[in-house]
C-alpha atoms as a PDB file:
ATOM      1  CA  MET A   1     183.640 144.354-144.511  1.00  0.00           C
ATOM      2  CA  THR A   2     186.581 142.143-143.116  1.00  0.00           C
ATOM      3  CA  ALA A   3     183.977 140.335-140.934  1.00  0.00           C
ATOM      4  CA  GLY A   4     182.315 139.317-144.130  1.00  0.00           C
ATOM      5  CA  PHE A   5     185.675 138.098-145.825  1.00  0.00           C
ATOM      6  CA  GLY A   6     186.052 136.104-142.531  1.00  0.00           C
ATOM      7  CA  LEU A   7     183.091 134.187-143.596  1.00  0.00           C
ATOM      8  CA  PHE A   8     184.375 133.644-146.873  1.00  0.00           C
ATOM      9  CA  MET A   9     187.806 132.463-145.407  1.00  0.00           C
ATOM     10  CA  TRP A  10     186.115 129.996-143.114  1.00  0.00           C
ATOM     11  CA  ALA A  11     184.197 128.356-145.831  1.00  0.00           C
ATOM     12  CA  ARG A  12     187.472 128.266-147.733  1.00  0.00           C
ATOM     13  CA  ARG A  13     189.135 126.423-144.971  1.00  0.00           C
ATOM     14  CA  VAL A  14     186.551 123.890-143.990  1.00  0.00           C
ATOM     15  CA  GLY A  15     184.962 123.102-147.501  1.00  0.00           C
ATOM     16  CA  SER A  16     185.683 122.838-151.115  1.00  0.00           C
ATOM     17  CA  VAL A  17     182.386 124.510-152.666  1.00  0.00           C
ATOM     18  CA  GLU A  18     182.804 127.620-154.365  1.00  0.00           C
ATOM     19  CA  LEU A  19     180.260 130.040-153.032  1.00  0.00           C
ATOM     20  CA  VAL A  20     180.284 132.709-155.849  1.00  0.00           C
ATOM     21  CA  GLU A  21     180.474 132.599-159.525  1.00  0.00           C
ATOM     22  CA  GLU A  22     183.455 134.342-161.321  1.00  0.00           C
ATOM     23  CA  ASP A  23     180.765 136.832-162.973  1.00  0.00           C
ATOM     24  CA  ASP A  24     179.471 137.947-159.686  1.00  0.00           C
ATOM     25  CA  PRO A  25     181.123 141.369-158.274  1.00  0.00           C
ATOM     26  CA  VAL A  26     181.570 139.742-155.039  1.00  0.00           C
ATOM     27  CA  PHE A  27     184.097 136.933-156.640  1.00  0.00           C
ATOM     28  CA  GLY A  28     186.367 140.044-157.557  1.00  0.00           C
ATOM     29  CA  TRP A  29     186.222 141.637-154.031  1.00  0.00           C
ATOM     30  CA  ARG A  30     187.223 138.554-152.684  1.00  0.00           C
ATOM     31  CA  GLU A  31     189.848 137.667-154.998  1.00  0.00           C
ATOM     32  CA  ARG A  32     191.605 140.889-154.185  1.00  0.00           C
ATOM     33  CA  LEU A  33     191.473 140.350-150.382  1.00  0.00           C
ATOM     34  CA  LEU A  34     192.870 136.872-151.028  1.00  0.00           C
ATOM     35  CA  ASP A  35     195.652 138.588-152.781  1.00  0.00           C
ATOM     36  CA  ALA A  36     196.302 141.237-150.435  1.00  0.00           C
ATOM     37  CA  PHE A  37     199.435 141.158-148.164  1.00  0.00           C
ATOM     38  CA  ASP A  38     201.372 139.274-150.485  1.00  0.00           C
ATOM     39  CA  GLY A  39     198.491 136.357-150.713  1.00  0.00           C
ATOM     40  CA  LEU A  40     198.742 135.738-147.281  1.00  0.00           C
ATOM     41  CA  ALA A  41     194.614 134.553-147.189  1.00  0.00           C
ATOM     42  CA  ARG A  42     195.218 132.773-150.347  1.00  0.00           C
ATOM     43  CA  ASN A  43     198.241 130.692-149.093  1.00  0.00           C
ATOM     44  CA  ALA A  44     196.110 129.690-145.768  1.00  0.00           C
ATOM     45  CA  PRO A  45     195.838 125.911-145.704  1.00  0.00           C
ATOM     46  CA  THR A  46     192.259 124.806-147.199  1.00  0.00           C
ATOM     47  CA  ALA A  47     190.102 121.760-146.667  1.00  0.00           C
ATOM     48  CA  HIS A  48     190.549 120.526-150.372  1.00  0.00           C
ATOM     49  CA  GLN A  49     194.428 120.379-150.183  1.00  0.00           C
ATOM     50  CA  GLY A  50     196.109 116.985-149.719  1.00  0.00           C
ATOM     51  CA  LYS A  51     197.358 116.205-146.214  1.00  0.00           C
ATOM     52  CA  ASP A  52     200.859 116.910-146.967  1.00  0.00           C
ATOM     53  CA  GLU A  53     200.022 120.274-148.257  1.00  0.00           C
ATOM     54  CA  ARG A  54     198.380 121.695-145.071  1.00  0.00           C
ATOM     55  CA  ARG A  55     201.291 122.982-143.731  1.00  0.00           C
ATOM     56  CA  TRP A  56     201.184 127.036-143.186  1.00  0.00           C
ATOM     57  CA  THR A  57     204.050 128.383-145.526  1.00  0.00           C
ATOM     58  CA  SER A  58     205.145 131.992-145.202  1.00  0.00           C
ATOM     59  CA  PRO A  59     204.481 133.800-148.518  1.00  0.00           C
END
C-alpha cells in the first residue's frame, strides 16, 4: 500500500498534473496519506512551487 503512495508522491514532486479526480476513491486515500503525520507528505516541496518555496519546512 505504501509503495503505491510512493508513486503518487514521486508524481507530485516532479510534475504538476493531477493524476486522479476528486470523485475517485483513490483521491480520498491519497489525501488522507498526505495529511498523515501532521501533513508531512503534503508539506514536502513540489515541482510546481516557486523556487523560493521549495525549502523543506518541518510541520
